[in-house]
């Protein structure tokens, strides 16, 4: 899926993947995140919740500007992405910088 087209659950999943979120570390082992458990619990809404997406923007120094009257542009590292909201544009730029212009999103999240 094109990074520039990611929205909703698919975008939140991609951001979570970039953040390398982990669940538990029993006996020194780290397990990869279990997306369904975390998202269903209401924990992963980077593209719509400033409390979650905002720290990524601040930490990375992601630049966000209004582009025209109804579109936002975000720049992070070499990645430039657009979106209908500043948070969506920023999260797309973050994902593009880490995973590229296309992301292999699980079918159930599309």
PDB file of N, CA and C in Angstrom:
ATOM      1  N   UNK A   1       0.851  -1.165   0.000  1.00  0.00           N
ATOM      2  CA  UNK A   1       0.000   0.000   0.000  1.00  0.00           C
ATOM      3  C   UNK A   1       0.904   1.236   0.000  1.00  0.00           C
ATOM      4  N   UNK A   2       0.536   2.246  -0.769  1.00  0.00           N
ATOM      5  CA  UNK A   2       1.329   3.471  -0.801  1.00  0.00           C
ATOM      6  C   UNK A   2       1.226   4.194   0.540  1.00  0.00           C
ATOM      7  N   UNK A   3       2.367   4.637   1.029  1.00  0.00           N
ATOM      8  CA  UNK A   3       2.392   5.366   2.294  1.00  0.00           C
ATOM      9  C   UNK A   3       1.505   6.604   2.215  1.00  0.00           C
ATOM     10  N   UNK A   4       1.479   7.237   1.059  1.00  0.00           N
ATOM     11  CA  UNK A   4       0.683   8.452   0.867  1.00  0.00           C
ATOM     12  C   UNK A   4      -0.817   8.202   0.950  1.00  0.00           C
ATOM     13  N   UNK A   5      -1.233   6.936   0.926  1.00  0.00           N
ATOM     14  CA  UNK A   5      -2.656   6.587   0.998  1.00  0.00           C
ATOM     15  C   UNK A   5      -3.049   5.970   2.339  1.00  0.00           C
ATOM     16  N   UNK A   6      -2.104   5.804   3.244  1.00  0.00           N
ATOM     17  CA  UNK A   6      -2.416   5.207   4.547  1.00  0.00           C
ATOM     18  C   UNK A   6      -3.313   6.125   5.366  1.00  0.00           C
ATOM     19  N   UNK A   7      -4.338   5.551   5.961  1.00  0.00           N
ATOM     20  CA  UNK A   7      -5.225   6.273   6.872  1.00  0.00           C
ATOM     21  C   UNK A   7      -5.692   5.309   7.961  1.00  0.00           C
ATOM     22  N   UNK A   8      -6.291   5.861   8.976  1.00  0.00           N
ATOM     23  CA  UNK A   8      -6.940   5.065  10.018  1.00  0.00           C
ATOM     24  C   UNK A   8      -6.077   3.972  10.607  1.00  0.00           C
ATOM     25  N   UNK A   9      -6.664   2.796  10.719  1.00  0.00           N
ATOM     26  CA  UNK A   9      -6.004   1.664  11.353  1.00  0.00           C
ATOM     27  C   UNK A   9      -4.718   1.277  10.644  1.00  0.00           C
ATOM     28  N   UNK A  10      -4.697   1.329   9.317  1.00  0.00           N
ATOM     29  CA  UNK A  10      -3.493   0.968   8.569  1.00  0.00           C
ATOM     30  C   UNK A  10      -2.342   1.929   8.891  1.00  0.00           C
ATOM     31  N   UNK A  11      -2.631   3.217   8.991  1.00  0.00           N
ATOM     32  CA  UNK A  11      -1.599   4.194   9.325  1.00  0.00           C
ATOM     33  C   UNK A  11      -1.130   4.014  10.764  1.00  0.00           C
ATOM     34  N   UNK A  12      -2.060   3.804  11.678  1.00  0.00           N
ATOM     35  CA  UNK A  12      -1.691   3.577  13.074  1.00  0.00           C
ATOM     36  C   UNK A  12      -0.818   2.328  13.212  1.00  0.00           C
ATOM     37  N   UNK A  13      -1.147   1.276  12.464  1.00  0.00           N
ATOM     38  CA  UNK A  13      -0.347   0.052  12.470  1.00  0.00           C
ATOM     39  C   UNK A  13       1.072   0.335  11.988  1.00  0.00           C
ATOM     40  N   UNK A  14       1.200   1.088  10.900  1.00  0.00           N
ATOM     41  CA  UNK A  14       2.517   1.384  10.339  1.00  0.00           C
ATOM     42  C   UNK A  14       3.360   2.225  11.311  1.00  0.00           C
ATOM     43  N   UNK A  15       2.724   3.193  11.972  1.00  0.00           N
ATOM     44  CA  UNK A  15       3.451   3.998  12.955  1.00  0.00           C
ATOM     45  C   UNK A  15       3.907   3.109  14.107  1.00  0.00           C
ATOM     46  N   UNK A  16       3.030   2.242  14.569  1.00  0.00           N
ATOM     47  CA  UNK A  16       3.372   1.319  15.649  1.00  0.00           C
ATOM     48  C   UNK A  16       4.555   0.453  15.256  1.00  0.00           C
ATOM     49  N   UNK A  17       4.557  -0.012  14.026  1.00  0.00           N
ATOM     50  CA  UNK A  17       5.670  -0.815  13.531  1.00  0.00           C
ATOM     51  C   UNK A  17       6.966  -0.001  13.555  1.00  0.00           C
ATOM     52  N   UNK A  18       6.910   1.238  13.123  1.00  0.00           N
ATOM     53  CA  UNK A  18       8.092   2.111  13.135  1.00  0.00           C
ATOM     54  C   UNK A  18       8.584   2.386  14.545  1.00  0.00           C
ATOM     55  N   UNK A  19       7.664   2.503  15.469  1.00  0.00           N
ATOM     56  CA  UNK A  19       8.019   2.769  16.861  1.00  0.00           C
ATOM     57  C   UNK A  19       8.572   1.524  17.557  1.00  0.00           C
ATOM     58  N   UNK A  20       8.421   0.370  16.924  1.00  0.00           N
ATOM     59  CA  UNK A  20       8.891  -0.895  17.482  1.00  0.00           C
ATOM     60  C   UNK A  20       8.352  -1.122  18.884  1.00  0.00           C
ATOM     61  N   UNK A  21       7.055  -0.905  19.025  1.00  0.00           N
ATOM     62  CA  UNK A  21       6.392  -1.093  20.316  1.00  0.00           C
ATOM     63  C   UNK A  21       6.462  -2.563  20.708  1.00  0.00           C
ATOM     64  N   UNK A  22       6.764  -2.807  21.941  1.00  0.00           N
ATOM     65  CA  UNK A  22       6.886  -4.177  22.452  1.00  0.00           C
ATOM     66  C   UNK A  22       5.905  -4.398  23.590  1.00  0.00           C
ATOM     67  N   UNK A  23       5.469  -5.632  23.740  1.00  0.00           N
ATOM     68  CA  UNK A  23       4.634  -6.006  24.888  1.00  0.00           C
ATOM     69  C   UNK A  23       5.417  -7.016  25.716  1.00  0.00           C
ATOM     70  N   UNK A  24       5.643  -6.682  26.941  1.00  0.00           N
ATOM     71  CA  UNK A  24       6.254  -7.611  27.884  1.00  0.00           C
ATOM     72  C   UNK A  24       7.688  -7.994  27.563  1.00  0.00           C
ATOM     73  N   UNK A  25       8.415  -8.306  28.597  1.00  0.00           N
ATOM     74  CA  UNK A  25       9.782  -8.782  28.439  1.00  0.00           C
ATOM     75  C   UNK A  25      10.052  -9.860  29.489  1.00  0.00           C
ATOM     76  N   UNK A  26       9.239 -10.928  29.483  1.00  0.00           N
ATOM     77  CA  UNK A  26       9.435 -11.959  30.511  1.00  0.00           C
ATOM     78  C   UNK A  26      10.771 -12.678  30.336  1.00  0.00           C
ATOM     79  N   UNK A  27      11.458 -12.874  31.438  1.00  0.00           N
ATOM     80  CA  UNK A  27      12.714 -13.618  31.461  1.00  0.00           C
ATOM     81  C   UNK A  27      13.710 -13.115  30.428  1.00  0.00           C
ATOM     82  N   UNK A  28      13.775 -11.790  30.256  1.00  0.00           N
ATOM     83  CA  UNK A  28      14.771 -11.208  29.371  1.00  0.00           C
ATOM     84  C   UNK A  28      14.457 -11.288  27.885  1.00  0.00           C
ATOM     85  N   UNK A  29      13.311 -11.854  27.523  1.00  0.00           N
ATOM     86  CA  UNK A  29      12.948 -11.949  26.102  1.00  0.00           C
ATOM     87  C   UNK A  29      11.970 -10.839  25.771  1.00  0.00           C
ATOM     88  N   UNK A  30      12.103 -10.293  24.582  1.00  0.00           N
ATOM     89  CA  UNK A  30      11.190  -9.250  24.133  1.00  0.00           C
ATOM     90  C   UNK A  30      10.316  -9.809  23.027  1.00  0.00           C
ATOM     91  N   UNK A  31       9.035  -9.623  23.148  1.00  0.00           N
ATOM     92  CA  UNK A  31       8.108 -10.094  22.121  1.00  0.00           C
ATOM     93  C   UNK A  31       7.614  -8.914  21.300  1.00  0.00           C
ATOM     94  N   UNK A  32       7.470  -9.115  20.012  1.00  0.00           N
ATOM     95  CA  UNK A  32       6.946  -8.070  19.134  1.00  0.00           C
ATOM     96  C   UNK A  32       5.513  -7.757  19.555  1.00  0.00           C
ATOM     97  N   UNK A  33       5.104  -6.541  19.225  1.00  0.00           N
ATOM     98  CA  UNK A  33       3.769  -6.119  19.640  1.00  0.00           C
ATOM     99  C   UNK A  33       2.682  -7.010  19.057  1.00  0.00           C
ATOM    100  N   UNK A  34       1.633  -7.159  19.792  1.00  0.00           N
ATOM    101  CA  UNK A  34       0.454  -7.890  19.340  1.00  0.00           C
ATOM    102  C   UNK A  34      -0.565  -6.831  18.973  1.00  0.00           C
ATOM    103  N   UNK A  35      -0.615  -6.451  17.689  1.00  0.00           N
ATOM    104  CA  UNK A  35      -1.402  -5.323  17.226  1.00  0.00           C
ATOM    105  C   UNK A  35      -2.852  -5.382  17.698  1.00  0.00           C
ATOM    106  N   UNK A  36      -3.516  -6.492  17.513  1.00  0.00           N
ATOM    107  CA  UNK A  36      -4.941  -6.547  17.829  1.00  0.00           C
ATOM    108  C   UNK A  36      -5.205  -6.260  19.302  1.00  0.00           C
ATOM    109  N   UNK A  37      -4.356  -6.738  20.179  1.00  0.00           N
ATOM    110  CA  UNK A  37      -4.554  -6.487  21.605  1.00  0.00           C
ATOM    111  C   UNK A  37      -4.393  -5.010  21.931  1.00  0.00           C
ATOM    112  N   UNK A  38      -3.363  -4.388  21.352  1.00  0.00           N
ATOM    113  CA  UNK A  38      -3.084  -2.997  21.675  1.00  0.00           C
ATOM    114  C   UNK A  38      -4.097  -2.051  21.047  1.00  0.00           C
ATOM    115  N   UNK A  39      -4.451  -2.271  19.809  1.00  0.00           N
ATOM    116  CA  UNK A  39      -5.374  -1.372  19.128  1.00  0.00           C
ATOM    117  C   UNK A  39      -6.784  -1.516  19.689  1.00  0.00           C
ATOM    118  N   UNK A  40      -7.204  -2.757  19.940  1.00  0.00           N
ATOM    119  CA  UNK A  40      -8.540  -2.984  20.496  1.00  0.00           C
ATOM    120  C   UNK A  40      -8.670  -2.387  21.896  1.00  0.00           C
ATOM    121  N   UNK A  41      -7.558  -2.291  22.606  1.00  0.00           N
ATOM    122  CA  UNK A  41      -7.584  -1.709  23.943  1.00  0.00           C
ATOM    123  C   UNK A  41      -7.604  -0.184  23.886  1.00  0.00           C
ATOM    124  N   UNK A  42      -7.536   0.370  22.688  1.00  0.00           N
ATOM    125  CA  UNK A  42      -7.593   1.810  22.532  1.00  0.00           C
ATOM    126  C   UNK A  42      -6.258   2.497  22.711  1.00  0.00           C
ATOM    127  N   UNK A  43      -5.189   1.751  22.529  1.00  0.00           N
ATOM    128  CA  UNK A  43      -3.874   2.286  22.803  1.00  0.00           C
ATOM    129  C   UNK A  43      -3.157   2.915  21.606  1.00  0.00           C
ATOM    130  N   UNK A  44      -3.518   2.594  20.393  1.00  0.00           N
ATOM    131  CA  UNK A  44      -2.737   3.013  19.237  1.00  0.00           C
ATOM    132  C   UNK A  44      -3.558   3.844  18.255  1.00  0.00           C
ATOM    133  N   UNK A  45      -3.551   5.137  18.462  1.00  0.00           N
ATOM    134  CA  UNK A  45      -4.280   6.054  17.580  1.00  0.00           C
ATOM    135  C   UNK A  45      -3.408   7.257  17.251  1.00  0.00           C
ATOM    136  N   UNK A  46      -2.195   6.982  16.765  1.00  0.00           N
ATOM    137  CA  UNK A  46      -1.237   8.035  16.468  1.00  0.00           C
ATOM    138  C   UNK A  46      -1.754   9.057  15.459  1.00  0.00           C
ATOM    139  N   UNK A  47      -2.560   8.611  14.506  1.00  0.00           N
ATOM    140  CA  UNK A  47      -2.989   9.502  13.423  1.00  0.00           C
ATOM    141  C   UNK A  47      -4.193  10.367  13.770  1.00  0.00           C
ATOM    142  N   UNK A  48      -4.777  10.154  14.939  1.00  0.00           N
ATOM    143  CA  UNK A  48      -5.939  10.954  15.331  1.00  0.00           C
ATOM    144  C   UNK A  48      -5.834  11.520  16.748  1.00  0.00           C
ATOM    145  N   UNK A  49      -4.867  11.070  17.515  1.00  0.00           N
ATOM    146  CA  UNK A  49      -4.729  11.489  18.909  1.00  0.00           C
ATOM    147  C   UNK A  49      -3.400  12.229  19.091  1.00  0.00           C
ATOM    148  N   UNK A  50      -3.490  13.552  19.312  1.00  0.00           N
ATOM    149  CA  UNK A  50      -2.279  14.361  19.467  1.00  0.00           C
ATOM    150  C   UNK A  50      -1.437  13.923  20.652  1.00  0.00           C
ATOM    151  N   UNK A  51      -2.052  13.337  21.670  1.00  0.00           N
ATOM    152  CA  UNK A  51      -1.299  12.865  22.824  1.00  0.00           C
ATOM    153  C   UNK A  51      -0.365  11.719  22.438  1.00  0.00           C
ATOM    154  N   UNK A  52      -0.694  10.999  21.373  1.00  0.00           N
ATOM    155  CA  UNK A  52       0.153   9.901  20.907  1.00  0.00           C
ATOM    156  C   UNK A  52       1.047  10.317  19.740  1.00  0.00           C
ATOM    157  N   UNK A  53       0.498  11.020  18.763  1.00  0.00           N
ATOM    158  CA  UNK A  53       1.278  11.439  17.602  1.00  0.00           C
ATOM    159  C   UNK A  53       2.161  12.641  17.880  1.00  0.00           C
ATOM    160  N   UNK A  54       1.709  13.519  18.760  1.00  0.00           N
ATOM    161  CA  UNK A  54       2.458  14.737  19.067  1.00  0.00           C
ATOM    162  C   UNK A  54       3.877  14.495  19.551  1.00  0.00           C
ATOM    163  N   UNK A  55       4.106  13.558  20.472  1.00  0.00           N
ATOM    164  CA  UNK A  55       5.470  13.306  20.920  1.00  0.00           C
ATOM    165  C   UNK A  55       6.407  12.834  19.801  1.00  0.00           C
ATOM    166  N   UNK A  56       5.865  12.100  18.827  1.00  0.00           N
ATOM    167  CA  UNK A  56       6.681  11.660  17.688  1.00  0.00           C
ATOM    168  C   UNK A  56       7.080  12.874  16.865  1.00  0.00           C
ATOM    169  N   UNK A  57       6.132  13.779  16.649  1.00  0.00           N
ATOM    170  CA  UNK A  57       6.413  15.007  15.896  1.00  0.00           C
ATOM    171  C   UNK A  57       7.471  15.835  16.619  1.00  0.00           C
ATOM    172  N   UNK A  58       7.292  16.001  17.913  1.00  0.00           N
ATOM    173  CA  UNK A  58       8.229  16.805  18.696  1.00  0.00           C
ATOM    174  C   UNK A  58       9.612  16.168  18.755  1.00  0.00           C
ATOM    175  N   UNK A  59       9.660  14.893  19.046  1.00  0.00           N
ATOM    176  CA  UNK A  59      10.930  14.178  19.163  1.00  0.00           C
ATOM    177  C   UNK A  59      11.712  14.211  17.847  1.00  0.00           C
ATOM    178  N   UNK A  60      11.003  14.051  16.732  1.00  0.00           N
ATOM    179  CA  UNK A  60      11.669  14.008  15.438  1.00  0.00           C
ATOM    180  C   UNK A  60      11.846  15.355  14.772  1.00  0.00           C
ATOM    181  N   UNK A  61      11.205  16.378  15.320  1.00  0.00           N
ATOM    182  CA  UNK A  61      11.266  17.677  14.677  1.00  0.00           C
ATOM    183  C   UNK A  61      10.590  17.664  13.316  1.00  0.00           C
ATOM    184  N   UNK A  62       9.488  16.947  13.216  1.00  0.00           N
ATOM    185  CA  UNK A  62       8.753  16.855  11.953  1.00  0.00           C
ATOM    186  C   UNK A  62       8.143  18.216  11.642  1.00  0.00           C
ATOM    187  N   UNK A  63       8.450  18.734  10.453  1.00  0.00           N
ATOM    188  CA  UNK A  63       7.905  20.016  10.031  1.00  0.00           C
ATOM    189  C   UNK A  63       6.538  19.847   9.398  1.00  0.00           C
ATOM    190  N   UNK A  64       5.594  20.699   9.778  1.00  0.00           N
ATOM    191  CA  UNK A  64       4.231  20.622   9.251  1.00  0.00           C
ATOM    192  C   UNK A  64       3.806  22.015   8.802  1.00  0.00           C
ATOM    193  N   UNK A  65       3.248  22.093   7.597  1.00  0.00           N
ATOM    194  CA  UNK A  65       2.750  23.364   7.072  1.00  0.00           C
ATOM    195  C   UNK A  65       1.430  23.156   6.349  1.00  0.00           C
ATOM    196  N   UNK A  66       0.610  24.199   6.348  1.00  0.00           N
ATOM    197  CA  UNK A  66      -0.620  24.171   5.575  1.00  0.00           C
ATOM    198  C   UNK A  66      -0.255  24.317   4.103  1.00  0.00           C
ATOM    199  N   UNK A  67      -0.818  23.466   3.265  1.00  0.00           N
ATOM    200  CA  UNK A  67      -0.555  23.455   1.836  1.00  0.00           C
ATOM    201  C   UNK A  67      -1.878  23.732   1.132  1.00  0.00           C
ATOM    202  N   UNK A  68      -2.058  24.949   0.663  1.00  0.00           N
ATOM    203  CA  UNK A  68      -3.350  25.310   0.086  1.00  0.00           C
ATOM    204  C   UNK A  68      -4.353  25.570   1.185  1.00  0.00           C
ATOM    205  N   UNK A  69      -5.613  25.349   0.875  1.00  0.00           N
ATOM    206  CA  UNK A  69      -6.668  25.620   1.850  1.00  0.00           C
ATOM    207  C   UNK A  69      -7.094  24.422   2.672  1.00  0.00           C
ATOM    208  N   UNK A  70      -6.827  23.216   2.178  1.00  0.00           N
ATOM    209  CA  UNK A  70      -7.376  22.049   2.861  1.00  0.00           C
ATOM    210  C   UNK A  70      -6.438  20.848   2.883  1.00  0.00           C
ATOM    211  N   UNK A  71      -5.148  21.084   2.760  1.00  0.00           N
ATOM    212  CA  UNK A  71      -4.187  19.995   2.751  1.00  0.00           C
ATOM    213  C   UNK A  71      -2.963  20.410   3.569  1.00  0.00           C
ATOM    214  N   UNK A  72      -2.383  19.443   4.228  1.00  0.00           N
ATOM    215  CA  UNK A  72      -1.187  19.675   5.035  1.00  0.00           C
ATOM    216  C   UNK A  72      -0.010  18.926   4.437  1.00  0.00           C
ATOM    217  N   UNK A  73       1.183  19.463   4.609  1.00  0.00           N
ATOM    218  CA  UNK A  73       2.409  18.812   4.158  1.00  0.00           C
ATOM    219  C   UNK A  73       3.327  18.666   5.369  1.00  0.00           C
ATOM    220  N   UNK A  74       3.968  17.510   5.465  1.00  0.00           N
ATOM    221  CA  UNK A  74       4.906  17.250   6.559  1.00  0.00           C
ATOM    222  C   UNK A  74       6.218  16.756   5.983  1.00  0.00           C
ATOM    223  N   UNK A  75       7.309  17.204   6.593  1.00  0.00           N
ATOM    224  CA  UNK A  75       8.649  16.810   6.183  1.00  0.00           C
ATOM    225  C   UNK A  75       9.396  16.213   7.356  1.00  0.00           C
ATOM    226  N   UNK A  76       9.988  15.057   7.105  1.00  0.00           N
ATOM    227  CA  UNK A  76      10.802  14.399   8.122  1.00  0.00           C
ATOM    228  C   UNK A  76      11.941  13.676   7.421  1.00  0.00           C
ATOM    229  N   UNK A  77      13.166  14.016   7.789  1.00  0.00           N
ATOM    230  CA  UNK A  77      14.354  13.499   7.114  1.00  0.00           C
ATOM    231  C   UNK A  77      14.212  13.797   5.629  1.00  0.00           C
ATOM    232  N   UNK A  78      14.226  12.816   4.795  1.00  0.00           N
ATOM    233  CA  UNK A  78      14.096  13.011   3.346  1.00  0.00           C
ATOM    234  C   UNK A  78      12.650  12.828   2.868  1.00  0.00           C
ATOM    235  N   UNK A  79      11.758  12.499   3.766  1.00  0.00           N
ATOM    236  CA  UNK A  79      10.377  12.178   3.392  1.00  0.00           C
ATOM    237  C   UNK A  79       9.462  13.392   3.456  1.00  0.00           C
ATOM    238  N   UNK A  80       8.645  13.539   2.430  1.00  0.00           N
ATOM    239  CA  UNK A  80       7.613  14.575   2.389  1.00  0.00           C
ATOM    240  C   UNK A  80       6.293  13.897   2.078  1.00  0.00           C
ATOM    241  N   UNK A  81       5.292  14.155   2.910  1.00  0.00           N
ATOM    242  CA  UNK A  81       3.982  13.534   2.736  1.00  0.00           C
ATOM    243  C   UNK A  81       2.894  14.568   2.984  1.00  0.00           C
ATOM    244  N   UNK A  82       1.740  14.320   2.380  1.00  0.00           N
ATOM    245  CA  UNK A  82       0.582  15.204   2.491  1.00  0.00           C
ATOM    246  C   UNK A  82      -0.548  14.481   3.201  1.00  0.00           C
ATOM    247  N   UNK A  83      -1.494  15.255   3.725  1.00  0.00           N
ATOM    248  CA  UNK A  83      -2.653  14.661   4.363  1.00  0.00           C
ATOM    249  C   UNK A  83      -3.723  15.689   4.626  1.00  0.00           C
ATOM    250  N   UNK A  84      -4.944  15.216   4.931  1.00  0.00           N
ATOM    251  CA  UNK A  84      -6.063  16.116   5.200  1.00  0.00           C
ATOM    252  C   UNK A  84      -5.966  16.800   6.565  1.00  0.00           C
ATOM    253  N   UNK A  85      -5.124  16.260   7.452  1.00  0.00           N
ATOM    254  CA  UNK A  85      -4.895  16.869   8.762  1.00  0.00           C
ATOM    255  C   UNK A  85      -3.384  16.921   8.998  1.00  0.00           C
ATOM    256  N   UNK A  86      -2.927  17.809   9.873  1.00  0.00           N
ATOM    257  CA  UNK A  86      -1.491  17.862  10.150  1.00  0.00           C
ATOM    258  C   UNK A  86      -0.965  16.557  10.758  1.00  0.00           C
ATOM    259  N   UNK A  87      -1.778  15.912  11.574  1.00  0.00           N
ATOM    260  CA  UNK A  87      -1.344  14.678  12.226  1.00  0.00           C
ATOM    261  C   UNK A  87      -1.199  13.542  11.223  1.00  0.00           C
ATOM    262  N   UNK A  88      -2.127  13.422  10.296  1.00  0.00           N
ATOM    263  CA  UNK A  88      -2.023  12.383   9.271  1.00  0.00           C
ATOM    264  C   UNK A  88      -0.813  12.631   8.383  1.00  0.00           C
ATOM    265  N   UNK A  89      -0.606  13.869   7.957  1.00  0.00           N
ATOM    266  CA  UNK A  89       0.562  14.185   7.125  1.00  0.00           C
ATOM    267  C   UNK A  89       1.853  13.850   7.860  1.00  0.00           C
ATOM    268  N   UNK A  90       1.937  14.216   9.133  1.00  0.00           N
ATOM    269  CA  UNK A  90       3.145  13.958   9.921  1.00  0.00           C
ATOM    270  C   UNK A  90       3.397  12.472  10.111  1.00  0.00           C
ATOM    271  N   UNK A  91       2.347  11.707  10.404  1.00  0.00           N
ATOM    272  CA  UNK A  91       2.527  10.274  10.607  1.00  0.00           C
ATOM    273  C   UNK A  91       2.904   9.586   9.290  1.00  0.00           C
ATOM    274  N   UNK A  92       2.354  10.044   8.173  1.00  0.00           N
ATOM    275  CA  UNK A  92       2.758   9.491   6.877  1.00  0.00           C
ATOM    276  C   UNK A  92       4.229   9.789   6.606  1.00  0.00           C
ATOM    277  N   UNK A  93       4.679  10.997   6.919  1.00  0.00           N
ATOM    278  CA  UNK A  93       6.090  11.347   6.711  1.00  0.00           C
ATOM    279  C   UNK A  93       6.990  10.493   7.602  1.00  0.00           C
ATOM    280  N   UNK A  94       6.565  10.278   8.835  1.00  0.00           N
ATOM    281  CA  UNK A  94       7.327   9.447   9.764  1.00  0.00           C
ATOM    282  C   UNK A  94       7.458   8.026   9.218  1.00  0.00           C
ATOM    283  N   UNK A  95       6.340   7.466   8.772  1.00  0.00           N
ATOM    284  CA  UNK A  95       6.347   6.105   8.220  1.00  0.00           C
ATOM    285  C   UNK A  95       7.195   6.042   6.949  1.00  0.00           C
ATOM    286  N   UNK A  96       7.038   7.014   6.066  1.00  0.00           N
ATOM    287  CA  UNK A  96       7.808   7.020   4.815  1.00  0.00           C
ATOM    288  C   UNK A  96       9.307   7.076   5.089  1.00  0.00           C
ATOM    289  N   UNK A  97       9.708   7.811   6.116  1.00  0.00           N
ATOM    290  CA  UNK A  97      11.135   7.922   6.430  1.00  0.00           C
ATOM    291  C   UNK A  97      11.712   6.605   6.931  1.00  0.00           C
ATOM    292  N   UNK A  98      10.866   5.787   7.557  1.00  0.00           N
ATOM    293  CA  UNK A  98      11.336   4.525   8.138  1.00  0.00           C
ATOM    294  C   UNK A  98      11.107   3.321   7.222  1.00  0.00           C
ATOM    295  N   UNK A  99       9.949   3.309   6.528  1.00  0.00           N
ATOM    296  CA  UNK A  99       9.566   2.123   5.753  1.00  0.00           C
ATOM    297  C   UNK A  99       9.524   2.351   4.249  1.00  0.00           C
ATOM    298  N   UNK A 100       9.626   3.597   3.816  1.00  0.00           N
ATOM    299  CA  UNK A 100       9.615   3.874   2.389  1.00  0.00           C
ATOM    300  C   UNK A 100       8.256   4.294   1.857  1.00  0.00           C
ATOM    301  N   UNK A 101       8.165   4.392   0.534  1.00  0.00           N
ATOM    302  CA  UNK A 101       6.953   4.882  -0.124  1.00  0.00           C
ATOM    303  C   UNK A 101       5.842   3.851  -0.213  1.00  0.00           C
ATOM    304  N   UNK A 102       6.155   2.590   0.072  1.00  0.00           N
ATOM    305  CA  UNK A 102       5.142   1.539   0.096  1.00  0.00           C
ATOM    306  C   UNK A 102       5.340   0.689   1.335  1.00  0.00           C
ATOM    307  N   UNK A 103       4.223   0.279   1.922  1.00  0.00           N
ATOM    308  CA  UNK A 103       4.241  -0.491   3.162  1.00  0.00           C
ATOM    309  C   UNK A 103       3.402  -1.744   2.970  1.00  0.00           C
ATOM    310  N   UNK A 104       3.923  -2.856   3.421  1.00  0.00           N
ATOM    311  CA  UNK A 104       3.196  -4.122   3.341  1.00  0.00           C
ATOM    312  C   UNK A 104       2.272  -4.223   4.558  1.00  0.00           C
ATOM    313  N   UNK A 105       1.048  -3.745   4.396  1.00  0.00           N
ATOM    314  CA  UNK A 105       0.070  -3.702   5.481  1.00  0.00           C
ATOM    315  C   UNK A 105      -0.735  -5.005   5.463  1.00  0.00           C
ATOM    316  N   UNK A 106      -0.966  -5.611   6.622  1.00  0.00           N
ATOM    317  CA  UNK A 106      -1.799  -6.814   6.663  1.00  0.00           C
ATOM    318  C   UNK A 106      -3.165  -6.565   6.016  1.00  0.00           C
ATOM    319  N   UNK A 107      -3.634  -7.534   5.279  1.00  0.00           N
ATOM    320  CA  UNK A 107      -4.879  -7.410   4.525  1.00  0.00           C
ATOM    321  C   UNK A 107      -6.059  -6.974   5.395  1.00  0.00           C
ATOM    322  N   UNK A 108      -6.142  -7.482   6.619  1.00  0.00           N
ATOM    323  CA  UNK A 108      -7.275  -7.154   7.474  1.00  0.00           C
ATOM    324  C   UNK A 108      -7.291  -5.710   7.946  1.00  0.00           C
ATOM    325  N   UNK A 109      -6.197  -4.985   7.748  1.00  0.00           N
ATOM    326  CA  UNK A 109      -6.129  -3.587   8.181  1.00  0.00           C
ATOM    327  C   UNK A 109      -6.371  -2.592   7.043  1.00  0.00           C
ATOM    328  N   UNK A 110      -6.497  -3.090   5.834  1.00  0.00           N
ATOM    329  CA  UNK A 110      -6.682  -2.212   4.684  1.00  0.00           C
ATOM    330  C   UNK A 110      -8.104  -1.720   4.589  1.00  0.00           C
TER     331      UNK A 110
END
